Amino acid sequence: MNRLDYAALVDLPAGVARPNRSGPPTTGIVHFGPGAFHRAHQAAYIDTLLASEPGWGIAAVSLRSAGTVAALAEQQGLYTLAVRDAESSFRVIGAHSRFLGPDDAAETQALLADPAVRLVTTTVTEKGYCLASDGALDRAHPDIVHDLAQPAVPRSVIGWIVGGLAARHARDVAPFVVMPCDNLAANGAKLKAALVDFAHATAPAIGDWIAQHVLVPGTMVDSITPASDDALYSDVASALGVEDRAAVQREAFTQWVIEDLGDPVTAALGRAGATLTNNVAGYEQAKLRILNGTHSTLAYAGLLRGHASVAEAMDDSVLAEFVDAMIRTDIIPTLTPVAGLDLEAYRAAVLTRFRNPVIVHRLDQIAIDGSQKIPYRLGDTLRWHRARGDMPGHVVTAIGCWIAFLMQRARAGETIVDAAGPALTEAAQSGDAAAVLGRLIAARTGFSADLAEDSVAAQAIAAAAQHAFDGDWSQLHGR
């Protein structure tokens, strides 16, 4: 079977959307981290933009492994995006123009200095920004230590971006816009601060120039993107009649929210379908509390009730009704209204997405690192209500399910996959739920200090945890 490339586009089935070009586009964007999410999300927006505005092609840069960029290069940057929903569809994306791996440092440096490059984007995961726990640049991070000593051969994305900006400053070339596309709260502000800090450590004048002239808009991105697998590759081959080993898949829903700084780059992305706003934080908060908070609730309660995936948990009518009520009564009242965001419509969309049977999102994957997620996904909602003297019963039950999950795993001898896994296991191995919660609060593991001063909330959470651990699910009814 032939491999997907530009020559193969003419013979694809009529229903398959494809680029209207005969070859790769001209480069205007450099992207670090061309994994599945970038290719299923950002690149699809850029491909839409390229249909009417050439010059926005993406140079894909992988700093750690050449596998993905090699697969893209073999297919001239083309790959299939499979949208998995009630009615699946296939689209060939042709947004990528260059394919650079760890051995292509000189070419990457040249691109970052090229005036034609107007935007640098990143999907490198939260860890890839080398930030400390307070959100500032971690100067003790091994990659940052290396890059400060040897800035000409950087290892970190921070070092690469600062190096590119320094080259443009030296040549009196306007800076590119820098845009992080990882779900890191206040990602634009944190990345800009890290860039300025790094630059100040090597060349203070460059740091001042970055602080004054470089735009780093905050963003929020969302679309469930399962890993590519042999089943996907087989489906694509059957549907398109060509082999595609770079194919990706996602749900139909996709969202890219960008801080509107009034510049031409973000304006162009708005024309591609991104949402431009002066309140990214409002969108972040809604996603964190509604989508992520409900995800975590489904994970812990669903696993305790014997379910394996989000869609399976949503088929449990008791659990589905519980999380819907949690969003309506406990979560939405805590959210500040945001222009352009209909919270009721967003609630309905989230629950519809969770019911998608084609997307298999495993609960045990969502359950990972609960100690880092619970404080923000559910804890912030709890604190909002307690500050007003309310007891959000659904959220209390959801947090209790996390504790019951820890107790069940620890006593079954199963590994708790969490950055604080050993401490969680030790805390949950013995005693009733109240004792376990007391240990977690004392260790500040998964809970902030204020819960130690709120005995009423702590007692309610412990009671909910004990009910869940004992298999008493009456608490899911009648709230």
Protein backbone atom coordinates (compact mmCIF):
# COMPACT_ATOMS: atom_id res chain seq x y z
CA MET A 1 0.00 0.00 0.00
CA ASN A 2 1.29 3.47 -0.92
CA ARG A 3 2.26 5.93 1.82
CA LEU A 4 0.36 9.18 2.23
CA ASP A 5 2.03 12.15 0.48
CA TYR A 6 1.02 15.08 -1.74
CA ALA A 7 0.96 12.92 -4.87
CA ALA A 8 -1.58 10.62 -3.20
CA LEU A 9 -4.07 13.38 -2.37
CA VAL A 10 -5.77 13.32 -5.78
CA ASP A 11 -6.78 9.66 -5.38
CA LEU A 12 -8.26 9.93 -1.89
CA PRO A 13 -12.01 9.30 -1.48
CA ALA A 14 -14.17 12.33 -2.21
CA GLY A 15 -15.39 12.65 1.39
CA VAL A 16 -11.91 13.11 2.84
CA ALA A 17 -10.97 16.77 3.37
CA ARG A 18 -7.43 17.64 2.25
CA PRO A 19 -5.10 20.61 1.66
CA ASN A 20 -5.58 22.64 -1.51
CA ARG A 21 -1.82 22.81 -2.09
CA SER A 22 0.56 20.71 -4.15
CA GLY A 23 3.36 20.78 -1.59
CA PRO A 24 4.31 21.89 1.94
CA PRO A 25 3.50 25.51 2.87
CA THR A 26 5.95 28.31 3.60
CA THR A 27 7.15 28.41 7.20
CA GLY A 28 5.79 31.09 9.53
CA ILE A 29 5.61 29.18 12.82
CA VAL A 30 8.14 27.17 14.80
CA HIS A 31 6.58 24.63 17.14
CA PHE A 32 8.39 22.77 19.92
CA GLY A 33 6.82 19.42 20.83
CA PRO A 34 4.98 18.03 17.77
CA GLY A 35 3.18 15.26 19.66
CA ALA A 36 -0.32 13.96 19.04
CA PHE A 37 -2.13 16.81 20.79
CA HIS A 38 -0.37 19.51 18.76
CA ARG A 39 -1.06 17.68 15.51
CA ALA A 40 -4.71 17.00 16.37
CA HIS A 41 -5.40 20.46 17.79
CA GLN A 42 -3.23 23.49 16.88
CA ALA A 43 -2.14 22.15 13.50
CA ALA A 44 -5.77 21.66 12.46
CA TYR A 45 -6.47 25.35 13.13
CA ILE A 46 -3.38 26.37 11.17
CA ASP A 47 -4.34 24.08 8.29
CA THR A 48 -7.67 25.92 8.14
CA LEU A 49 -5.87 29.27 8.10
CA LEU A 50 -3.52 28.14 5.34
CA ALA A 51 -6.44 27.54 2.99
CA SER A 52 -6.83 31.31 2.64
CA GLU A 53 -3.64 32.80 4.12
CA PRO A 54 -0.38 31.16 3.00
CA GLY A 55 2.81 31.63 4.96
CA TRP A 56 1.72 30.10 8.27
CA GLY A 57 3.35 26.69 7.80
CA ILE A 58 4.68 25.01 10.94
CA ALA A 59 8.27 23.88 11.40
CA ALA A 60 7.98 20.92 13.77
CA VAL A 61 10.88 20.75 16.24
CA SER A 62 11.40 17.78 18.53
CA LEU A 63 14.09 18.32 21.17
CA ARG A 64 14.20 14.76 22.56
CA SER A 65 13.38 12.25 19.86
CA ALA A 66 13.36 12.22 16.06
CA GLY A 67 10.64 9.60 15.68
CA THR A 68 7.66 11.88 15.09
CA VAL A 69 9.42 14.37 12.83
CA ALA A 70 10.90 11.50 10.81
CA ALA A 71 7.43 10.02 10.26
CA LEU A 72 6.13 13.44 9.20
CA ALA A 73 9.07 14.02 6.84
CA GLU A 74 8.50 10.67 5.15
CA GLN A 75 4.97 11.81 4.28
CA GLN A 76 5.92 15.41 3.32
CA GLY A 77 4.26 16.59 6.54
CA LEU A 78 0.87 15.10 5.68
CA TYR A 79 -1.10 12.97 8.14
CA THR A 80 -4.69 12.03 8.83
CA LEU A 81 -6.79 13.49 11.61
CA ALA A 82 -9.53 11.03 12.56
CA VAL A 83 -12.40 12.69 14.42
CA ARG A 84 -13.97 10.06 16.64
CA ASP A 85 -17.60 10.75 17.42
CA ALA A 86 -21.04 9.29 16.72
CA GLU A 87 -20.16 9.88 13.08
CA SER A 88 -16.41 9.64 12.52
CA SER A 89 -14.66 11.65 9.82
CA PHE A 90 -11.20 11.82 8.30
CA ARG A 91 -9.22 14.89 7.28
CA VAL A 92 -5.70 15.14 5.89
CA ILE A 93 -3.71 17.88 7.60
CA GLY A 94 -0.92 19.62 5.67
CA ALA A 95 0.13 22.40 8.05
CA HIS A 96 3.75 21.33 8.56
CA SER A 97 6.61 22.59 6.42
CA ARG A 98 9.86 21.55 8.15
CA PHE A 99 10.80 18.58 10.32
CA LEU A 100 13.65 19.04 12.78
CA GLY A 101 15.00 16.65 15.38
CA PRO A 102 17.70 16.80 18.07
CA ASP A 103 20.47 16.66 15.44
CA ASP A 104 19.17 19.69 13.53
CA ALA A 105 20.21 22.42 15.96
CA ALA A 106 21.77 24.72 13.38
CA GLU A 107 18.65 24.66 11.21
CA THR A 108 16.42 25.31 14.21
CA GLN A 109 18.57 28.27 15.25
CA ALA A 110 18.40 29.68 11.73
CA LEU A 111 14.61 29.40 11.68
CA LEU A 112 14.21 31.17 15.01
CA ALA A 113 16.26 34.07 13.63
CA ASP A 114 14.33 34.18 10.33
CA PRO A 115 12.10 37.30 10.04
CA ALA A 116 9.49 35.16 8.24
CA VAL A 117 8.83 33.27 11.50
CA ARG A 118 6.19 35.28 13.34
CA LEU A 119 5.11 32.80 16.01
CA VAL A 120 6.77 30.20 18.25
CA THR A 121 4.44 27.76 20.00
CA THR A 122 5.01 24.98 22.52
CA THR A 123 3.39 21.79 23.74
CA VAL A 124 6.10 20.38 25.97
CA THR A 125 3.96 19.45 29.05
CA GLU A 126 4.12 21.41 32.29
CA LYS A 127 7.47 19.83 33.17
CA GLY A 128 9.03 21.07 29.93
CA TYR A 129 9.06 24.71 31.08
CA CYS A 130 11.52 23.96 33.93
CA LEU A 131 9.50 25.87 36.50
CA ALA A 132 9.75 25.63 40.28
CA SER A 133 6.73 24.91 42.50
CA ASP A 134 6.00 28.65 42.77
CA GLY A 135 5.77 28.97 38.97
CA ALA A 136 9.06 30.81 38.53
CA LEU A 137 12.02 29.55 36.51
CA ASP A 138 13.86 26.77 38.34
CA ARG A 139 17.47 27.84 37.95
CA ALA A 140 18.55 24.59 39.62
CA HIS A 141 16.89 22.46 36.95
CA PRO A 142 19.62 20.44 35.17
CA ASP A 143 18.60 21.70 31.73
CA ILE A 144 18.58 25.32 32.87
CA VAL A 145 21.95 24.89 34.59
CA HIS A 146 23.32 23.51 31.32
CA ASP A 147 21.77 26.24 29.18
CA LEU A 148 22.97 29.08 31.37
CA ALA A 149 26.50 27.69 31.10
CA GLN A 150 26.29 26.81 27.41
CA PRO A 151 23.58 29.00 25.81
CA ALA A 152 24.78 28.23 22.29
CA VAL A 153 23.66 24.59 22.58
CA PRO A 154 20.46 24.68 24.64
CA ARG A 155 18.56 21.69 25.97
CA SER A 156 15.47 23.43 27.34
CA VAL A 157 12.70 25.11 25.40
CA ILE A 158 13.41 28.21 27.51
CA GLY A 159 17.02 28.23 26.31
CA TRP A 160 15.98 27.74 22.69
CA ILE A 161 13.44 30.56 22.70
CA VAL A 162 15.74 33.02 24.45
CA GLY A 163 18.52 32.10 22.03
CA GLY A 164 16.25 32.79 19.07
CA LEU A 165 15.12 36.11 20.49
CA ALA A 166 18.72 37.11 21.24
CA ALA A 167 19.68 36.39 17.61
CA ARG A 168 16.84 38.59 16.38
CA HIS A 169 17.80 41.37 18.77
CA ALA A 170 21.38 41.26 17.50
CA ARG A 171 20.15 41.59 13.91
CA ASP A 172 17.53 44.24 14.72
CA VAL A 173 14.74 41.85 13.68
CA ALA A 174 11.31 42.19 15.32
CA PRO A 175 10.64 39.48 17.92
CA PHE A 176 8.28 36.62 17.25
CA VAL A 177 5.20 36.06 19.42
CA VAL A 178 5.68 33.24 21.93
CA MET A 179 2.62 31.12 22.71
CA PRO A 180 2.53 28.24 25.21
CA CYS A 181 -0.19 25.68 24.44
CA ASP A 182 -0.01 23.49 27.52
CA ASN A 183 -2.68 23.53 30.21
CA LEU A 184 -0.63 25.39 32.78
CA ALA A 185 -2.52 28.08 34.71
CA ALA A 186 -1.44 31.58 33.64
CA ASN A 187 0.87 29.92 31.12
CA GLY A 188 1.64 33.11 29.20
CA ALA A 189 2.64 35.12 32.25
CA LYS A 190 4.71 32.28 33.68
CA LEU A 191 6.53 31.59 30.43
CA LYS A 192 7.32 35.27 29.85
CA ALA A 193 8.67 35.62 33.37
CA ALA A 194 10.84 32.54 32.85
CA LEU A 195 12.20 33.89 29.56
CA VAL A 196 13.03 37.25 31.12
CA ASP A 197 14.67 35.60 34.14
CA PHE A 198 16.78 33.30 31.97
CA ALA A 199 17.83 36.16 29.68
CA HIS A 200 18.71 38.42 32.59
CA ALA A 201 21.04 35.71 33.88
CA THR A 202 23.01 35.69 30.64
CA ALA A 203 22.52 39.10 29.02
CA PRO A 204 20.54 41.69 31.05
CA ALA A 205 19.96 43.88 28.00
CA ILE A 206 18.24 40.98 26.24
CA GLY A 207 16.12 40.36 29.32
CA ASP A 208 14.99 43.97 29.34
CA TRP A 209 14.21 43.82 25.61
CA ILE A 210 12.15 40.64 26.04
CA ALA A 211 10.26 42.16 28.98
CA GLN A 212 9.41 45.26 26.95
CA HIS A 213 8.83 43.94 23.45
CA VAL A 214 8.00 40.20 23.38
CA LEU A 215 4.33 39.21 23.46
CA VAL A 216 3.50 35.98 25.28
CA PRO A 217 -0.29 35.60 25.29
CA GLY A 218 -1.90 33.19 27.71
CA THR A 219 -3.90 30.32 26.27
CA MET A 220 -6.22 27.47 27.16
CA VAL A 221 -6.49 24.39 24.96
CA ASP A 222 -8.95 21.52 25.09
CA SER A 223 -9.71 18.41 23.08
CA ILE A 224 -9.56 14.79 24.23
CA THR A 225 -6.83 13.13 22.15
CA PRO A 226 -6.31 9.40 22.68
CA ALA A 227 -2.96 7.91 21.72
CA SER A 228 -2.55 6.64 18.17
CA ASP A 229 -2.58 2.86 17.89
CA ASP A 230 -2.71 0.06 15.35
CA ALA A 231 -6.51 0.19 15.28
CA LEU A 232 -6.34 3.82 14.18
CA TYR A 233 -3.74 3.10 11.50
CA SER A 234 -5.90 0.25 10.21
CA ASP A 235 -9.03 2.43 10.11
CA VAL A 236 -7.18 5.16 8.23
CA ALA A 237 -5.76 2.71 5.69
CA SER A 238 -9.24 1.30 5.06
CA ALA A 239 -10.86 4.71 4.73
CA LEU A 240 -8.17 6.45 2.65
CA GLY A 241 -6.55 3.58 0.77
CA VAL A 242 -3.04 4.69 1.82
CA GLU A 243 -0.75 3.91 4.71
CA ASP A 244 -0.35 6.67 7.31
CA ARG A 245 1.90 6.01 10.31
CA ALA A 246 1.59 9.59 11.57
CA ALA A 247 -2.20 9.59 11.92
CA VAL A 248 -3.80 11.07 15.04
CA GLN A 249 -7.29 10.99 16.54
CA ARG A 250 -9.42 13.21 18.75
CA GLU A 251 -13.00 13.97 19.69
CA ALA A 252 -15.03 16.43 17.63
CA PHE A 253 -14.94 19.14 20.32
CA THR A 254 -11.92 21.40 20.20
CA GLN A 255 -11.19 24.73 21.86
CA TRP A 256 -8.27 27.13 21.65
CA VAL A 257 -8.68 30.23 23.82
CA ILE A 258 -6.03 32.95 23.35
CA GLU A 259 -5.40 36.17 25.21
CA ASP A 260 -6.18 38.98 22.78
CA LEU A 261 -3.19 41.32 22.82
CA GLY A 262 -4.30 43.17 19.70
CA ASP A 263 -1.44 41.93 17.53
CA PRO A 264 -1.67 40.55 13.95
CA VAL A 265 -0.58 37.03 14.96
CA THR A 266 -3.38 36.41 17.46
CA ALA A 267 -5.82 38.10 15.09
CA ALA A 268 -4.89 35.57 12.39
CA LEU A 269 -5.46 32.68 14.81
CA GLY A 270 -8.86 34.16 15.57
CA ARG A 271 -9.67 33.94 11.88
CA ALA A 272 -8.69 30.28 12.04
CA GLY A 273 -11.32 29.62 14.69
CA ALA A 274 -9.53 30.31 17.97
CA THR A 275 -11.42 32.25 20.64
CA LEU A 276 -9.79 35.60 21.42
CA THR A 277 -10.56 37.01 24.86
CA ASN A 278 -9.28 39.34 27.56
CA ASN A 279 -10.18 36.74 30.19
CA VAL A 280 -8.36 33.47 29.56
CA ALA A 281 -8.37 32.90 33.32
CA GLY A 282 -12.17 32.71 33.28
CA TYR A 283 -12.10 30.00 30.64
CA GLU A 284 -9.34 28.19 32.55
CA GLN A 285 -11.36 28.28 35.75
CA ALA A 286 -14.47 26.92 34.03
CA LYS A 287 -12.51 24.10 32.44
CA LEU A 288 -10.65 23.25 35.63
CA ARG A 289 -13.72 23.10 37.81
CA ILE A 290 -16.38 21.81 35.41
CA LEU A 291 -14.49 19.51 33.06
CA ASN A 292 -11.47 18.51 35.16
CA GLY A 293 -13.36 18.43 38.46
CA THR A 294 -16.02 16.18 36.95
CA HIS A 295 -13.35 14.03 35.28
CA SER A 296 -11.68 13.38 38.63
CA THR A 297 -15.02 12.65 40.28
CA LEU A 298 -15.90 10.12 37.59
CA ALA A 299 -12.44 8.56 37.91
CA TYR A 300 -12.49 7.89 41.65
CA ALA A 301 -16.20 7.17 42.08
CA GLY A 302 -16.28 5.20 38.82
CA LEU A 303 -13.33 2.99 39.73
CA LEU A 304 -14.85 2.31 43.15
CA ARG A 305 -18.10 1.30 41.41
CA GLY A 306 -16.28 -1.04 39.02
CA HIS A 307 -16.13 1.07 35.84
CA ALA A 308 -13.10 1.34 33.54
CA SER A 309 -13.72 4.32 31.23
CA VAL A 310 -15.40 7.71 31.29
CA ALA A 311 -18.10 6.62 28.85
CA GLU A 312 -18.78 3.52 30.97
CA ALA A 313 -19.04 5.64 34.12
CA MET A 314 -21.49 7.96 32.34
CA ASP A 315 -23.63 4.93 31.49
CA ASP A 316 -24.09 4.54 35.26
CA SER A 317 -27.22 6.68 35.58
CA VAL A 318 -26.75 7.30 39.30
CA LEU A 319 -23.21 8.56 38.80
CA ALA A 320 -24.11 10.58 35.68
CA GLU A 321 -26.97 12.32 37.50
CA PHE A 322 -24.69 12.99 40.47
CA VAL A 323 -21.97 14.77 38.45
CA ASP A 324 -24.58 16.77 36.52
CA ALA A 325 -26.07 17.97 39.80
CA MET A 326 -22.58 18.71 41.13
CA ILE A 327 -21.87 21.01 38.19
CA ARG A 328 -25.22 22.79 38.47
CA THR A 329 -25.41 23.30 42.22
CA ASP A 330 -21.81 23.27 43.49
CA ILE A 331 -19.57 24.41 40.64
CA ILE A 332 -21.31 26.90 38.35
CA PRO A 333 -22.21 29.27 41.23
CA THR A 334 -18.48 29.64 41.97
CA LEU A 335 -17.59 30.81 38.47
CA THR A 336 -17.29 34.43 37.41
CA PRO A 337 -19.27 35.15 34.22
CA VAL A 338 -17.07 35.41 31.13
CA ALA A 339 -18.10 37.22 27.97
CA GLY A 340 -18.66 34.68 25.22
CA LEU A 341 -18.81 31.64 27.54
CA ASP A 342 -22.27 30.17 28.20
CA LEU A 343 -21.72 28.05 31.31
CA GLU A 344 -24.92 26.04 30.92
CA ALA A 345 -24.04 25.24 27.32
CA TYR A 346 -20.51 24.34 28.42
CA ARG A 347 -21.89 22.01 31.12
CA ALA A 348 -24.07 20.24 28.56
CA ALA A 349 -21.18 19.98 26.09
CA VAL A 350 -18.85 18.49 28.71
CA LEU A 351 -21.33 15.79 29.70
CA THR A 352 -22.04 14.99 26.05
CA ARG A 353 -18.31 14.62 25.41
CA PHE A 354 -17.98 12.27 28.37
CA ARG A 355 -20.68 10.03 26.89
CA ASN A 356 -18.83 9.60 23.59
CA PRO A 357 -18.48 5.80 23.27
CA VAL A 358 -15.84 6.04 20.53
CA ILE A 359 -13.34 7.84 22.80
CA VAL A 360 -12.01 5.34 25.34
CA HIS A 361 -10.65 7.51 28.17
CA ARG A 362 -9.53 5.20 30.95
CA LEU A 363 -10.40 6.17 34.50
CA ASP A 364 -7.14 4.83 35.92
CA GLN A 365 -5.25 7.30 33.71
CA ILE A 366 -7.35 10.22 34.93
CA ALA A 367 -6.83 9.05 38.53
CA ILE A 368 -3.05 9.55 38.31
CA ASP A 369 -1.51 12.32 40.47
CA GLY A 370 -4.66 13.06 42.44
CA SER A 371 -2.69 14.79 45.20
CA GLN A 372 -1.69 17.47 42.69
CA LYS A 373 -5.07 17.73 40.95
CA ILE A 374 -7.64 17.54 43.76
CA PRO A 375 -6.69 20.88 45.39
CA TYR A 376 -7.49 22.75 42.19
CA ARG A 377 -10.11 20.63 40.49
CA LEU A 378 -12.31 20.22 43.60
CA GLY A 379 -10.58 21.95 46.52
CA ASP A 380 -11.01 25.47 45.14
CA THR A 381 -14.75 24.88 44.79
CA LEU A 382 -14.92 23.60 48.37
CA ARG A 383 -13.04 26.66 49.66
CA TRP A 384 -15.34 29.05 47.78
CA HIS A 385 -18.40 27.56 49.47
CA ARG A 386 -16.84 27.29 52.93
CA ALA A 387 -15.84 30.95 52.81
CA ARG A 388 -19.58 31.67 52.51
CA GLY A 389 -20.62 29.21 55.17
CA ASP A 390 -21.98 26.64 52.71
CA MET A 391 -21.28 22.91 52.54
CA PRO A 392 -21.12 21.74 48.88
CA GLY A 393 -22.36 18.19 49.38
CA HIS A 394 -21.52 16.87 45.93
CA VAL A 395 -17.94 18.15 46.04
CA VAL A 396 -17.53 16.78 49.57
CA THR A 397 -18.60 13.36 48.29
CA ALA A 398 -16.26 13.62 45.30
CA ILE A 399 -13.27 14.40 47.54
CA GLY A 400 -14.34 11.57 49.83
CA CYS A 401 -14.24 9.21 46.85
CA TRP A 402 -10.59 10.11 46.29
CA ILE A 403 -9.76 9.17 49.88
CA ALA A 404 -11.75 5.93 49.57
CA PHE A 405 -9.85 5.18 46.35
CA LEU A 406 -6.55 5.63 48.19
CA MET A 407 -7.73 3.37 51.01
CA GLN A 408 -8.84 0.68 48.58
CA ARG A 409 -5.62 0.72 46.58
CA ALA A 410 -3.32 0.86 49.61
CA ARG A 411 -5.03 -2.04 51.36
CA ALA A 412 -5.09 -4.14 48.21
CA GLY A 413 -1.32 -3.67 47.87
CA GLU A 414 -1.75 -1.83 44.56
CA THR A 415 0.55 1.00 43.51
CA ILE A 416 -0.91 4.48 43.83
CA VAL A 417 0.41 6.29 40.76
CA ASP A 418 1.07 9.75 42.12
CA ALA A 419 4.03 12.03 42.70
CA ALA A 420 3.26 11.55 46.41
CA GLY A 421 2.45 7.85 45.99
CA PRO A 422 4.53 6.47 48.91
CA ALA A 423 3.18 9.08 51.34
CA LEU A 424 -0.40 8.46 50.19
CA THR A 425 0.02 4.71 50.57
CA GLU A 426 1.39 5.09 54.09
CA ALA A 427 -1.44 7.42 55.08
CA ALA A 428 -4.19 5.18 53.68
CA GLN A 429 -2.98 1.73 54.75
CA SER A 430 -4.82 1.56 58.07
CA GLY A 431 -7.54 3.14 60.17
CA ASP A 432 -10.90 4.57 59.27
CA ALA A 433 -11.43 7.38 56.79
CA ALA A 434 -11.22 10.05 59.49
CA ALA A 435 -7.77 8.83 60.51
CA VAL A 436 -6.61 8.70 56.91
CA LEU A 437 -7.87 12.21 56.22
CA GLY A 438 -6.21 13.45 59.38
CA ARG A 439 -2.85 12.12 58.20
CA LEU A 440 -3.29 13.66 54.75
CA ILE A 441 -4.20 17.04 56.23
CA ALA A 442 -1.26 16.92 58.65
CA ALA A 443 1.12 16.16 55.78
CA ARG A 444 -0.53 18.80 53.53
CA THR A 445 -0.84 16.06 50.90
CA GLY A 446 -3.76 16.85 48.62
CA PHE A 447 -5.20 19.41 51.02
CA SER A 448 -4.37 23.02 51.82
CA ALA A 449 -3.76 24.30 55.31
CA ASP A 450 -7.22 25.83 55.67
CA LEU A 451 -8.91 22.42 55.90
CA ALA A 452 -6.98 21.79 59.12
CA GLU A 453 -8.90 24.72 60.60
CA ASP A 454 -12.29 23.58 59.25
CA SER A 455 -13.33 20.60 61.36
CA VAL A 456 -16.90 20.66 60.04
CA ALA A 457 -15.77 20.20 56.42
CA ALA A 458 -13.17 17.61 57.45
CA GLN A 459 -15.81 15.58 59.28
CA ALA A 460 -18.13 15.72 56.26
CA ILE A 461 -15.35 14.59 53.89
CA ALA A 462 -14.34 11.75 56.23
CA ALA A 463 -17.93 10.55 56.48
CA ALA A 464 -18.32 10.60 52.69
CA ALA A 465 -15.03 8.71 52.30
CA GLN A 466 -16.06 6.04 54.76
CA HIS A 467 -19.41 5.53 53.01
CA ALA A 468 -17.66 5.16 49.65
CA PHE A 469 -15.04 2.79 51.04
CA ASP A 470 -17.80 0.66 52.62
CA GLY A 471 -19.71 0.56 49.32
CA ASP A 472 -22.60 2.64 50.67
CA TRP A 473 -23.62 4.78 47.72
CA SER A 474 -26.74 6.31 49.22
CA GLN A 475 -24.80 9.58 49.29
CA LEU A 476 -25.08 9.77 45.49
CA HIS A 477 -28.85 10.07 45.79
CA GLY A 478 -31.01 12.91 46.87
CA ARG A 479 -28.54 15.74 47.17
